[in-house]
């Protein structure tokens, strides 16, 4: 497997931070749900925050994955199949 380059390591770090923020937001959401109820504006906003952090964490993680194979240029001699 090809190792991650610098940009992919940064994306992986932000993905990890996004997942941590998801867990923290989930805890605050649970507390807000118990204390304020499900009809409060803050509770609904916290649910939107959870979905945002979760989706951005998934996208950043998928962007940070290294490629499985080394891609050759289109004009490389091995690309001709000969």
Protein backbone atom coordinates (compact mmCIF):
# COMPACT_ATOMS: atom_id res chain seq x y z
CA UNK A 1 0.00 0.00 0.00
CA UNK A 2 1.18 3.50 -0.82
CA UNK A 3 1.67 5.74 2.26
CA UNK A 4 -0.33 8.93 2.76
CA UNK A 5 1.22 12.14 1.51
CA UNK A 6 1.18 15.37 3.52
CA UNK A 7 -2.19 16.61 2.24
CA UNK A 8 -3.88 13.31 2.99
CA UNK A 9 -2.42 13.33 6.51
CA UNK A 10 -3.95 16.76 7.08
CA UNK A 11 -7.32 15.52 5.80
CA UNK A 12 -7.06 12.51 8.12
CA UNK A 13 -6.33 14.78 11.09
CA UNK A 14 -9.36 16.94 10.32
CA UNK A 15 -11.49 13.80 9.89
CA UNK A 16 -10.44 12.59 13.35
CA UNK A 17 -11.20 16.04 14.82
CA UNK A 18 -14.58 16.01 13.11
CA UNK A 19 -15.44 12.62 14.61
CA UNK A 20 -14.41 13.88 18.07
CA UNK A 21 -16.69 16.91 17.59
CA UNK A 22 -19.48 14.53 16.54
CA UNK A 23 -19.19 12.63 19.81
CA UNK A 24 -19.08 15.84 21.85
CA UNK A 25 -22.11 17.22 20.01
CA UNK A 26 -23.94 13.96 20.58
CA UNK A 27 -23.39 14.28 24.33
CA UNK A 28 -24.56 17.90 24.35
CA UNK A 29 -27.56 16.88 22.23
CA UNK A 30 -28.53 14.15 24.72
CA UNK A 31 -28.26 16.61 27.60
CA UNK A 32 -30.29 19.22 25.72
CA UNK A 33 -32.92 16.65 24.78
CA UNK A 34 -33.43 15.74 28.44
CA UNK A 35 -33.39 19.28 29.82
CA UNK A 36 -35.07 21.32 27.05
CA UNK A 37 -37.06 18.70 25.14
CA UNK A 38 -37.24 17.77 21.49
CA UNK A 39 -39.23 20.83 20.39
CA UNK A 40 -36.58 23.38 21.34
CA UNK A 41 -34.66 25.23 18.63
CA UNK A 42 -31.30 24.52 20.26
CA UNK A 43 -31.96 20.77 20.30
CA UNK A 44 -32.82 20.79 16.60
CA UNK A 45 -29.71 22.84 15.83
CA UNK A 46 -27.55 20.38 17.75
CA UNK A 47 -28.96 17.55 15.65
CA UNK A 48 -28.00 19.47 12.49
CA UNK A 49 -24.51 20.03 13.94
CA UNK A 50 -24.16 16.28 14.59
CA UNK A 51 -25.12 15.45 11.01
CA UNK A 52 -22.72 18.09 9.67
CA UNK A 53 -19.72 16.85 11.67
CA UNK A 54 -20.49 13.22 10.86
CA UNK A 55 -20.85 13.81 7.12
CA UNK A 56 -17.76 16.02 6.90
CA UNK A 57 -15.77 13.44 8.88
CA UNK A 58 -16.80 10.68 6.48
CA UNK A 59 -15.92 12.76 3.42
CA UNK A 60 -12.55 13.82 4.86
CA UNK A 61 -11.73 10.24 5.82
CA UNK A 62 -12.50 8.98 2.33
CA UNK A 63 -10.38 11.78 0.84
CA UNK A 64 -7.47 10.88 3.12
CA UNK A 65 -7.28 7.22 2.11
CA UNK A 66 -4.16 6.48 0.06
CA UNK A 67 -4.63 4.95 -3.40
CA UNK A 68 -4.46 1.16 -3.58
CA UNK A 69 -2.37 1.10 -6.74
CA UNK A 70 0.27 3.37 -8.19
CA UNK A 71 -1.18 5.08 -11.23
CA UNK A 72 1.05 5.35 -14.28
CA UNK A 73 0.96 8.26 -16.74
CA UNK A 74 -1.11 7.70 -19.86
CA UNK A 75 1.97 7.76 -22.11
CA UNK A 76 3.95 5.23 -20.04
CA UNK A 77 5.29 2.26 -22.10
CA UNK A 78 3.54 -0.30 -19.90
CA UNK A 79 0.15 1.25 -20.65
CA UNK A 80 0.25 0.02 -24.26
CA UNK A 81 -0.28 -3.57 -23.15
CA UNK A 82 2.78 -4.80 -25.03
